[in-house]
Amino acid sequence: MANGQQVIEFLQNCTDTDLPSLIILDYKMPILNAVEVLDRIQLNARFQTIPKVVWSSSRQPEHVQVCINKGAVNYFVKPNKINDLRQIVQQMLAISNEAN
């Protein structure tokens, strides 16, 4: 999806059986950023059990903390090395598999 509003619309249009097993949000999405999307997701009980992670270039502790406080299970800083990316992907897959 190109922006946070599209994430919300996608989730609202999903049937219960088609809901994703993991939601990955970019911190600085246009229209609605990750924090705003997390706020809206928290308002709907259908989405509360879906694990949510944030993916960002920002290392600012306040960004990490607000995302965790809003329901993200993890906050990943975009890596510079392919091996670091592989580790993040493995962690995201593990989070998704734990939810199922």
PDB file of N, CA and C in Angstrom:
ATOM      1  N   MET A   1       0.817  -1.170   0.000  1.00  0.00           N
ATOM      2  CA  MET A   1       0.000   0.000   0.000  1.00  0.00           C
ATOM      3  C   MET A   1       0.874   1.251   0.000  1.00  0.00           C
ATOM      4  N   ALA A   2       0.394   2.293  -0.600  1.00  0.00           N
ATOM      5  CA  ALA A   2       1.193   3.495  -0.771  1.00  0.00           C
ATOM      6  C   ALA A   2       1.114   4.458   0.410  1.00  0.00           C
ATOM      7  N   ASN A   3       0.084   4.310   1.243  1.00  0.00           N
ATOM      8  CA  ASN A   3      -0.060   5.235   2.370  1.00  0.00           C
ATOM      9  C   ASN A   3      -0.873   4.604   3.493  1.00  0.00           C
ATOM     10  N   GLY A   4      -0.858   5.258   4.651  1.00  0.00           N
ATOM     11  CA  GLY A   4      -1.536   4.723   5.821  1.00  0.00           C
ATOM     12  C   GLY A   4      -3.037   4.624   5.673  1.00  0.00           C
ATOM     13  N   GLN A   5      -3.641   5.536   4.932  1.00  0.00           N
ATOM     14  CA  GLN A   5      -5.092   5.475   4.715  1.00  0.00           C
ATOM     15  C   GLN A   5      -5.462   4.212   3.952  1.00  0.00           C
ATOM     16  N   GLN A   6      -4.637   3.823   2.988  1.00  0.00           N
ATOM     17  CA  GLN A   6      -4.897   2.595   2.240  1.00  0.00           C
ATOM     18  C   GLN A   6      -4.794   1.356   3.130  1.00  0.00           C
ATOM     19  N   VAL A   7      -3.910   1.390   4.111  1.00  0.00           N
ATOM     20  CA  VAL A   7      -3.800   0.277   5.066  1.00  0.00           C
ATOM     21  C   VAL A   7      -5.122   0.116   5.812  1.00  0.00           C
ATOM     22  N   ILE A   8      -5.641   1.223   6.326  1.00  0.00           N
ATOM     23  CA  ILE A   8      -6.907   1.180   7.075  1.00  0.00           C
ATOM     24  C   ILE A   8      -8.032   0.682   6.181  1.00  0.00           C
ATOM     25  N   GLU A   9      -8.126   1.207   4.981  1.00  0.00           N
ATOM     26  CA  GLU A   9      -9.186   0.790   4.055  1.00  0.00           C
ATOM     27  C   GLU A   9      -9.071  -0.687   3.705  1.00  0.00           C
ATOM     28  N   PHE A  10      -7.856  -1.162   3.473  1.00  0.00           N
ATOM     29  CA  PHE A  10      -7.647  -2.576   3.172  1.00  0.00           C
ATOM     30  C   PHE A  10      -8.143  -3.449   4.327  1.00  0.00           C
ATOM     31  N   LEU A  11      -7.732  -3.105   5.538  1.00  0.00           N
ATOM     32  CA  LEU A  11      -8.140  -3.900   6.701  1.00  0.00           C
ATOM     33  C   LEU A  11      -9.654  -3.882   6.891  1.00  0.00           C
ATOM     34  N   GLN A  12     -10.264  -2.743   6.718  1.00  0.00           N
ATOM     35  CA  GLN A  12     -11.717  -2.642   6.892  1.00  0.00           C
ATOM     36  C   GLN A  12     -12.469  -3.465   5.864  1.00  0.00           C
ATOM     37  N   ASN A  13     -11.887  -3.629   4.677  1.00  0.00           N
ATOM     38  CA  ASN A  13     -12.546  -4.382   3.610  1.00  0.00           C
ATOM     39  C   ASN A  13     -12.247  -5.875   3.644  1.00  0.00           C
ATOM     40  N   CYS A  14     -11.346  -6.307   4.514  1.00  0.00           N
ATOM     41  CA  CYS A  14     -11.015  -7.736   4.638  1.00  0.00           C
ATOM     42  C   CYS A  14     -12.110  -8.474   5.406  1.00  0.00           C
ATOM     43  N   THR A  15     -12.405  -9.675   4.941  1.00  0.00           N
ATOM     44  CA  THR A  15     -13.243 -10.540   5.756  1.00  0.00           C
ATOM     45  C   THR A  15     -12.382 -11.067   6.900  1.00  0.00           C
ATOM     46  N   ASP A  16     -13.006 -11.603   7.913  1.00  0.00           N
ATOM     47  CA  ASP A  16     -12.239 -12.122   9.052  1.00  0.00           C
ATOM     48  C   ASP A  16     -11.247 -13.193   8.623  1.00  0.00           C
ATOM     49  N   THR A  17     -11.610 -14.013   7.655  1.00  0.00           N
ATOM     50  CA  THR A  17     -10.717 -15.090   7.215  1.00  0.00           C
ATOM     51  C   THR A  17      -9.581 -14.578   6.326  1.00  0.00           C
ATOM     52  N   ASP A  18      -9.715 -13.371   5.801  1.00  0.00           N
ATOM     53  CA  ASP A  18      -8.689 -12.816   4.920  1.00  0.00           C
ATOM     54  C   ASP A  18      -7.779 -11.799   5.597  1.00  0.00           C
ATOM     55  N   LEU A  19      -7.948 -11.597   6.892  1.00  0.00           N
ATOM     56  CA  LEU A  19      -7.088 -10.645   7.595  1.00  0.00           C
ATOM     57  C   LEU A  19      -5.640 -11.124   7.562  1.00  0.00           C
ATOM     58  N   PRO A  20      -4.692 -10.216   7.471  1.00  0.00           N
ATOM     59  CA  PRO A  20      -3.281 -10.626   7.426  1.00  0.00           C
ATOM     60  C   PRO A  20      -2.818 -11.211   8.758  1.00  0.00           C
ATOM     61  N   SER A  21      -1.748 -11.996   8.689  1.00  0.00           N
ATOM     62  CA  SER A  21      -1.184 -12.576   9.914  1.00  0.00           C
ATOM     63  C   SER A  21      -0.129 -11.658  10.527  1.00  0.00           C
ATOM     64  N   LEU A  22       0.232 -10.593   9.820  1.00  0.00           N
ATOM     65  CA  LEU A  22       1.198  -9.614  10.303  1.00  0.00           C
ATOM     66  C   LEU A  22       0.970  -8.312   9.544  1.00  0.00           C
ATOM     67  N   ILE A  23       1.035  -7.195  10.257  1.00  0.00           N
ATOM     68  CA  ILE A  23       0.942  -5.881   9.635  1.00  0.00           C
ATOM     69  C   ILE A  23       2.299  -5.206   9.794  1.00  0.00           C
ATOM     70  N   ILE A  24       2.906  -4.846   8.663  1.00  0.00           N
ATOM     71  CA  ILE A  24       4.203  -4.158   8.655  1.00  0.00           C
ATOM     72  C   ILE A  24       3.953  -2.724   8.196  1.00  0.00           C
ATOM     73  N   LEU A  25       4.288  -1.780   9.044  1.00  0.00           N
ATOM     74  CA  LEU A  25       4.048  -0.367   8.763  1.00  0.00           C
ATOM     75  C   LEU A  25       5.359   0.388   8.646  1.00  0.00           C
ATOM     76  N   ASP A  26       5.463   1.247   7.652  1.00  0.00           N
ATOM     77  CA  ASP A  26       6.592   2.166   7.568  1.00  0.00           C
ATOM     78  C   ASP A  26       6.259   3.349   8.469  1.00  0.00           C
ATOM     79  N   TYR A  27       7.219   3.782   9.257  1.00  0.00           N
ATOM     80  CA  TYR A  27       6.956   4.869  10.207  1.00  0.00           C
ATOM     81  C   TYR A  27       6.486   6.138   9.507  1.00  0.00           C
ATOM     82  N   LYS A  28       7.088   6.464   8.386  1.00  0.00           N
ATOM     83  CA  LYS A  28       6.812   7.754   7.731  1.00  0.00           C
ATOM     84  C   LYS A  28       5.944   7.598   6.485  1.00  0.00           C
ATOM     85  N   MET A  29       4.892   6.783   6.561  1.00  0.00           N
ATOM     86  CA  MET A  29       3.978   6.665   5.421  1.00  0.00           C
ATOM     87  C   MET A  29       3.262   7.991   5.190  1.00  0.00           C
ATOM     88  N   PRO A  30       2.914   8.276   3.931  1.00  0.00           N
ATOM     89  CA  PRO A  30       2.128   9.477   3.656  1.00  0.00           C
ATOM     90  C   PRO A  30       0.688   9.339   4.175  1.00  0.00           C
ATOM     91  N   ILE A  31       0.014  10.424   4.289  1.00  0.00           N
ATOM     92  CA  ILE A  31      -1.371  10.601   4.723  1.00  0.00           C
ATOM     93  C   ILE A  31      -1.531  10.235   6.199  1.00  0.00           C
ATOM     94  N   LEU A  32      -1.340   8.972   6.555  1.00  0.00           N
ATOM     95  CA  LEU A  32      -1.336   8.544   7.963  1.00  0.00           C
ATOM     96  C   LEU A  32      -0.013   7.844   8.220  1.00  0.00           C
ATOM     97  N   ASN A  33       0.746   8.297   9.220  1.00  0.00           N
ATOM     98  CA  ASN A  33       2.001   7.616   9.539  1.00  0.00           C
ATOM     99  C   ASN A  33       1.710   6.380  10.389  1.00  0.00           C
ATOM    100  N   ALA A  34       2.733   5.656  10.747  1.00  0.00           N
ATOM    101  CA  ALA A  34       2.549   4.405  11.495  1.00  0.00           C
ATOM    102  C   ALA A  34       1.828   4.625  12.818  1.00  0.00           C
ATOM    103  N   VAL A  35       2.154   5.693  13.527  1.00  0.00           N
ATOM    104  CA  VAL A  35       1.508   5.966  14.816  1.00  0.00           C
ATOM    105  C   VAL A  35       0.011   6.194  14.621  1.00  0.00           C
ATOM    106  N   GLU A  36      -0.349   6.937  13.602  1.00  0.00           N
ATOM    107  CA  GLU A  36      -1.767   7.206  13.332  1.00  0.00           C
ATOM    108  C   GLU A  36      -2.504   5.935  12.913  1.00  0.00           C
ATOM    109  N   VAL A  37      -1.851   5.091  12.130  1.00  0.00           N
ATOM    110  CA  VAL A  37      -2.469   3.818  11.741  1.00  0.00           C
ATOM    111  C   VAL A  37      -2.643   2.936  12.974  1.00  0.00           C
ATOM    112  N   LEU A  38      -1.616   2.849  13.812  1.00  0.00           N
ATOM    113  CA  LEU A  38      -1.721   2.053  15.040  1.00  0.00           C
ATOM    114  C   LEU A  38      -2.860   2.564  15.920  1.00  0.00           C
ATOM    115  N   ASP A  39      -3.013   3.872  16.027  1.00  0.00           N
ATOM    116  CA  ASP A  39      -4.132   4.453  16.793  1.00  0.00           C
ATOM    117  C   ASP A  39      -5.473   3.967  16.261  1.00  0.00           C
ATOM    118  N   ARG A  40      -5.636   3.989  14.971  1.00  0.00           N
ATOM    119  CA  ARG A  40      -6.917   3.592  14.359  1.00  0.00           C
ATOM    120  C   ARG A  40      -7.148   2.089  14.461  1.00  0.00           C
ATOM    121  N   ILE A  41      -6.086   1.325  14.333  1.00  0.00           N
ATOM    122  CA  ILE A  41      -6.211  -0.130  14.466  1.00  0.00           C
ATOM    123  C   ILE A  41      -6.674  -0.498  15.872  1.00  0.00           C
ATOM    124  N   GLN A  42      -6.176   0.212  16.866  1.00  0.00           N
ATOM    125  CA  GLN A  42      -6.555  -0.083  18.252  1.00  0.00           C
ATOM    126  C   GLN A  42      -8.047   0.112  18.496  1.00  0.00           C
ATOM    127  N   LEU A  43      -8.696   0.913  17.686  1.00  0.00           N
ATOM    128  CA  LEU A  43     -10.120   1.192  17.869  1.00  0.00           C
ATOM    129  C   LEU A  43     -11.012   0.056  17.395  1.00  0.00           C
ATOM    130  N   ASN A  44     -10.466  -0.887  16.635  1.00  0.00           N
ATOM    131  CA  ASN A  44     -11.259  -1.975  16.085  1.00  0.00           C
ATOM    132  C   ASN A  44     -10.783  -3.310  16.651  1.00  0.00           C
ATOM    133  N   ALA A  45     -11.640  -3.974  17.382  1.00  0.00           N
ATOM    134  CA  ALA A  45     -11.293  -5.242  18.036  1.00  0.00           C
ATOM    135  C   ALA A  45     -10.855  -6.309  17.032  1.00  0.00           C
ATOM    136  N   ARG A  46     -11.342  -6.259  15.804  1.00  0.00           N
ATOM    137  CA  ARG A  46     -10.970  -7.253  14.779  1.00  0.00           C
ATOM    138  C   ARG A  46      -9.471  -7.262  14.505  1.00  0.00           C
ATOM    139  N   PHE A  47      -8.821  -6.126  14.689  1.00  0.00           N
ATOM    140  CA  PHE A  47      -7.417  -6.000  14.315  1.00  0.00           C
ATOM    141  C   PHE A  47      -6.454  -6.106  15.491  1.00  0.00           C
ATOM    142  N   GLN A  48      -6.966  -6.163  16.683  1.00  0.00           N
ATOM    143  CA  GLN A  48      -6.102  -6.110  17.860  1.00  0.00           C
ATOM    144  C   GLN A  48      -5.235  -7.346  18.038  1.00  0.00           C
ATOM    145  N   THR A  49      -5.668  -8.483  17.555  1.00  0.00           N
ATOM    146  CA  THR A  49      -4.864  -9.705  17.725  1.00  0.00           C
ATOM    147  C   THR A  49      -3.819  -9.885  16.624  1.00  0.00           C
ATOM    148  N   ILE A  50      -3.883  -9.070  15.593  1.00  0.00           N
ATOM    149  CA  ILE A  50      -2.891  -9.156  14.516  1.00  0.00           C
ATOM    150  C   ILE A  50      -1.609  -8.468  14.999  1.00  0.00           C
ATOM    151  N   PRO A  51      -0.488  -9.160  14.983  1.00  0.00           N
ATOM    152  CA  PRO A  51       0.749  -8.496  15.378  1.00  0.00           C
ATOM    153  C   PRO A  51       1.112  -7.393  14.375  1.00  0.00           C
ATOM    154  N   LYS A  52       1.633  -6.316  14.915  1.00  0.00           N
ATOM    155  CA  LYS A  52       2.015  -5.166  14.106  1.00  0.00           C
ATOM    156  C   LYS A  52       3.467  -4.821  14.384  1.00  0.00           C
ATOM    157  N   VAL A  53       4.227  -4.559  13.321  1.00  0.00           N
ATOM    158  CA  VAL A  53       5.617  -4.128  13.466  1.00  0.00           C
ATOM    159  C   VAL A  53       5.804  -2.849  12.661  1.00  0.00           C
ATOM    160  N   VAL A  54       6.759  -2.064  13.095  1.00  0.00           N
ATOM    161  CA  VAL A  54       7.080  -0.827  12.390  1.00  0.00           C
ATOM    162  C   VAL A  54       8.482  -0.955  11.821  1.00  0.00           C
ATOM    163  N   TRP A  55       8.638  -0.454  10.613  1.00  0.00           N
ATOM    164  CA  TRP A  55       9.864  -0.522   9.825  1.00  0.00           C
ATOM    165  C   TRP A  55      10.237   0.916   9.541  1.00  0.00           C
ATOM    166  N   SER A  56      11.430   1.344   9.931  1.00  0.00           N
ATOM    167  CA  SER A  56      11.752   2.760   9.807  1.00  0.00           C
ATOM    168  C   SER A  56      13.243   3.009   9.623  1.00  0.00           C
ATOM    169  N   SER A  57      13.569   4.158   9.080  1.00  0.00           N
ATOM    170  CA  SER A  57      14.961   4.591   9.026  1.00  0.00           C
ATOM    171  C   SER A  57      15.326   5.377  10.283  1.00  0.00           C
ATOM    172  N   SER A  58      14.333   5.725  11.084  1.00  0.00           N
ATOM    173  CA  SER A  58      14.560   6.509  12.301  1.00  0.00           C
ATOM    174  C   SER A  58      14.984   5.614  13.466  1.00  0.00           C
ATOM    175  N   ARG A  59      15.995   6.068  14.171  1.00  0.00           N
ATOM    176  CA  ARG A  59      16.455   5.380  15.385  1.00  0.00           C
ATOM    177  C   ARG A  59      16.052   6.143  16.645  1.00  0.00           C
ATOM    178  N   GLN A  60      15.247   7.175  16.489  1.00  0.00           N
ATOM    179  CA  GLN A  60      14.906   8.014  17.623  1.00  0.00           C
ATOM    180  C   GLN A  60      14.110   7.223  18.669  1.00  0.00           C
ATOM    181  N   PRO A  61      14.605   7.203  19.908  1.00  0.00           N
ATOM    182  CA  PRO A  61      13.943   6.417  20.954  1.00  0.00           C
ATOM    183  C   PRO A  61      12.470   6.778  21.152  1.00  0.00           C
ATOM    184  N   GLU A  62      12.120   8.052  20.962  1.00  0.00           N
ATOM    185  CA  GLU A  62      10.714   8.437  21.147  1.00  0.00           C
ATOM    186  C   GLU A  62       9.824   7.840  20.057  1.00  0.00           C
ATOM    187  N   HIS A  63      10.355   7.648  18.841  1.00  0.00           N
ATOM    188  CA  HIS A  63       9.585   6.991  17.788  1.00  0.00           C
ATOM    189  C   HIS A  63       9.344   5.528  18.146  1.00  0.00           C
ATOM    190  N   VAL A  64      10.394   4.877  18.605  1.00  0.00           N
ATOM    191  CA  VAL A  64      10.278   3.469  19.003  1.00  0.00           C
ATOM    192  C   VAL A  64       9.247   3.335  20.123  1.00  0.00           C
ATOM    193  N   GLN A  65       9.371   4.148  21.145  1.00  0.00           N
ATOM    194  CA  GLN A  65       8.511   4.022  22.323  1.00  0.00           C
ATOM    195  C   GLN A  65       7.044   4.285  22.002  1.00  0.00           C
ATOM    196  N   VAL A  66       6.770   5.306  21.212  1.00  0.00           N
ATOM    197  CA  VAL A  66       5.367   5.601  20.896  1.00  0.00           C
ATOM    198  C   VAL A  66       4.751   4.463  20.084  1.00  0.00           C
ATOM    199  N   CYS A  67       5.511   3.876  19.179  1.00  0.00           N
ATOM    200  CA  CYS A  67       4.987   2.753  18.395  1.00  0.00           C
ATOM    201  C   CYS A  67       4.695   1.542  19.275  1.00  0.00           C
ATOM    202  N   ILE A  68       5.592   1.235  20.178  1.00  0.00           N
ATOM    203  CA  ILE A  68       5.370   0.113  21.103  1.00  0.00           C
ATOM    204  C   ILE A  68       4.166   0.411  22.003  1.00  0.00           C
ATOM    205  N   ASN A  69       4.073   1.631  22.470  1.00  0.00           N
ATOM    206  CA  ASN A  69       2.931   2.023  23.320  1.00  0.00           C
ATOM    207  C   ASN A  69       1.606   1.939  22.575  1.00  0.00           C
ATOM    208  N   LYS A  70       1.636   2.118  21.269  1.00  0.00           N
ATOM    209  CA  LYS A  70       0.412   2.087  20.452  1.00  0.00           C
ATOM    210  C   LYS A  70       0.082   0.691  19.944  1.00  0.00           C
ATOM    211  N   GLY A  71       0.894  -0.310  20.302  1.00  0.00           N
ATOM    212  CA  GLY A  71       0.531  -1.682  19.966  1.00  0.00           C
ATOM    213  C   GLY A  71       1.477  -2.438  19.055  1.00  0.00           C
ATOM    214  N   ALA A  72       2.549  -1.801  18.600  1.00  0.00           N
ATOM    215  CA  ALA A  72       3.520  -2.534  17.778  1.00  0.00           C
ATOM    216  C   ALA A  72       4.274  -3.521  18.667  1.00  0.00           C
ATOM    217  N   VAL A  73       4.483  -4.735  18.174  1.00  0.00           N
ATOM    218  CA  VAL A  73       5.227  -5.730  18.948  1.00  0.00           C
ATOM    219  C   VAL A  73       6.731  -5.582  18.772  1.00  0.00           C
ATOM    220  N   ASN A  74       7.118  -4.871  17.693  1.00  0.00           N
ATOM    221  CA  ASN A  74       8.533  -4.622  17.476  1.00  0.00           C
ATOM    222  C   ASN A  74       8.695  -3.431  16.547  1.00  0.00           C
ATOM    223  N   TYR A  75       9.878  -2.845  16.606  1.00  0.00           N
ATOM    224  CA  TYR A  75      10.233  -1.686  15.777  1.00  0.00           C
ATOM    225  C   TYR A  75      11.589  -2.006  15.170  1.00  0.00           C
ATOM    226  N   PHE A  76      11.648  -2.078  13.860  1.00  0.00           N
ATOM    227  CA  PHE A  76      12.875  -2.441  13.162  1.00  0.00           C
ATOM    228  C   PHE A  76      13.445  -1.240  12.427  1.00  0.00           C
ATOM    229  N   VAL A  77      14.726  -0.986  12.622  1.00  0.00           N
ATOM    230  CA  VAL A  77      15.412   0.057  11.874  1.00  0.00           C
ATOM    231  C   VAL A  77      15.923  -0.572  10.581  1.00  0.00           C
ATOM    232  N   LYS A  78      15.651   0.105   9.473  1.00  0.00           N
ATOM    233  CA  LYS A  78      16.066  -0.406   8.168  1.00  0.00           C
ATOM    234  C   LYS A  78      17.584  -0.575   8.133  1.00  0.00           C
ATOM    235  N   PRO A  79      18.035  -1.775   7.784  1.00  0.00           N
ATOM    236  CA  PRO A  79      19.479  -2.058   7.820  1.00  0.00           C
ATOM    237  C   PRO A  79      20.207  -1.604   6.557  1.00  0.00           C
ATOM    238  N   ASN A  80      21.517  -1.561   6.667  1.00  0.00           N
ATOM    239  CA  ASN A  80      22.375  -1.235   5.530  1.00  0.00           C
ATOM    240  C   ASN A  80      22.996  -2.476   4.899  1.00  0.00           C
ATOM    241  N   LYS A  81      22.950  -3.589   5.616  1.00  0.00           N
ATOM    242  CA  LYS A  81      23.599  -4.815   5.141  1.00  0.00           C
ATOM    243  C   LYS A  81      22.554  -5.896   4.898  1.00  0.00           C
ATOM    244  N   ILE A  82      22.789  -6.702   3.878  1.00  0.00           N
ATOM    245  CA  ILE A  82      21.846  -7.754   3.500  1.00  0.00           C
ATOM    246  C   ILE A  82      21.669  -8.787   4.609  1.00  0.00           C
ATOM    247  N   ASN A  83      22.726  -9.115   5.333  1.00  0.00           N
ATOM    248  CA  ASN A  83      22.598 -10.085   6.421  1.00  0.00           C
ATOM    249  C   ASN A  83      21.716  -9.554   7.539  1.00  0.00           C
ATOM    250  N   ASP A  84      21.802  -8.259   7.799  1.00  0.00           N
ATOM    251  CA  ASP A  84      20.923  -7.659   8.803  1.00  0.00           C
ATOM    252  C   ASP A  84      19.474  -7.692   8.335  1.00  0.00           C
ATOM    253  N   LEU A  85      19.263  -7.465   7.051  1.00  0.00           N
ATOM    254  CA  LEU A  85      17.908  -7.548   6.491  1.00  0.00           C
ATOM    255  C   LEU A  85      17.362  -8.962   6.627  1.00  0.00           C
ATOM    256  N   ARG A  86      18.181  -9.948   6.353  1.00  0.00           N
ATOM    257  CA  ARG A  86      17.750 -11.347   6.500  1.00  0.00           C
ATOM    258  C   ARG A  86      17.313 -11.649   7.937  1.00  0.00           C
ATOM    259  N   GLN A  87      18.061 -11.129   8.909  1.00  0.00           N
ATOM    260  CA  GLN A  87      17.711 -11.344  10.315  1.00  0.00           C
ATOM    261  C   GLN A  87      16.372 -10.704  10.650  1.00  0.00           C
ATOM    262  N   ILE A  88      16.138  -9.511  10.142  1.00  0.00           N
ATOM    263  CA  ILE A  88      14.863  -8.832  10.389  1.00  0.00           C
ATOM    264  C   ILE A  88      13.714  -9.610   9.753  1.00  0.00           C
ATOM    265  N   VAL A  89      13.914 -10.076   8.540  1.00  0.00           N
ATOM    266  CA  VAL A  89      12.879 -10.866   7.870  1.00  0.00           C
ATOM    267  C   VAL A  89      12.574 -12.124   8.680  1.00  0.00           C
ATOM    268  N   GLN A  90      13.596 -12.790   9.184  1.00  0.00           N
ATOM    269  CA  GLN A  90      13.392 -13.985  10.010  1.00  0.00           C
ATOM    270  C   GLN A  90      12.592 -13.648  11.273  1.00  0.00           C
ATOM    271  N   GLN A  91      12.895 -12.525  11.886  1.00  0.00           N
ATOM    272  CA  GLN A  91      12.164 -12.103  13.083  1.00  0.00           C
ATOM    273  C   GLN A  91      10.702 -11.803  12.751  1.00  0.00           C
ATOM    274  N   MET A  92      10.472 -11.143  11.611  1.00  0.00           N
ATOM    275  CA  MET A  92       9.095 -10.847  11.214  1.00  0.00           C
ATOM    276  C   MET A  92       8.314 -12.127  10.929  1.00  0.00           C
ATOM    277  N   LEU A  93       8.965 -13.066  10.257  1.00  0.00           N
ATOM    278  CA  LEU A  93       8.302 -14.360   9.998  1.00  0.00           C
ATOM    279  C   LEU A  93       7.985 -15.087  11.296  1.00  0.00           C
ATOM    280  N   ALA A  94       8.879 -15.033  12.246  1.00  0.00           N
ATOM    281  CA  ALA A  94       8.638 -15.679  13.537  1.00  0.00           C
ATOM    282  C   ALA A  94       7.441 -15.030  14.249  1.00  0.00           C
ATOM    283  N   ILE A  95       7.359 -13.721  14.200  1.00  0.00           N
ATOM    284  CA  ILE A  95       6.218 -13.015  14.814  1.00  0.00           C
ATOM    285  C   ILE A  95       4.926 -13.440  14.143  1.00  0.00           C
ATOM    286  N   SER A  96       4.938 -13.500  12.829  1.00  0.00           N
ATOM    287  CA  SER A  96       3.752 -13.905  12.079  1.00  0.00           C
ATOM    288  C   SER A  96       3.362 -15.342  12.402  1.00  0.00           C
ATOM    289  N   ASN A  97       4.330 -16.235  12.465  1.00  0.00           N
ATOM    290  CA  ASN A  97       4.045 -17.654  12.751  1.00  0.00           C
ATOM    291  C   ASN A  97       3.526 -17.849  14.174  1.00  0.00           C
ATOM    292  N   GLU A  98       4.010 -17.053  15.112  1.00  0.00           N
ATOM    293  CA  GLU A  98       3.526 -17.151  16.492  1.00  0.00           C
ATOM    294  C   GLU A  98       2.056 -16.764  16.597  1.00  0.00           C
ATOM    295  N   ALA A  99       1.612 -15.874  15.736  1.00  0.00           N
ATOM    296  CA  ALA A  99       0.230 -15.394  15.788  1.00  0.00           C
ATOM    297  C   ALA A  99      -0.745 -16.422  15.232  1.00  0.00           C
ATOM    298  N   ASN A 100      -0.240 -17.350  14.432  1.00  0.00           N
ATOM    299  CA  ASN A 100      -1.137 -18.334  13.802  1.00  0.00           C
ATOM    300  C   ASN A 100      -1.243 -19.565  14.608  1.00  0.00           C
TER     301      ASN A 100
END
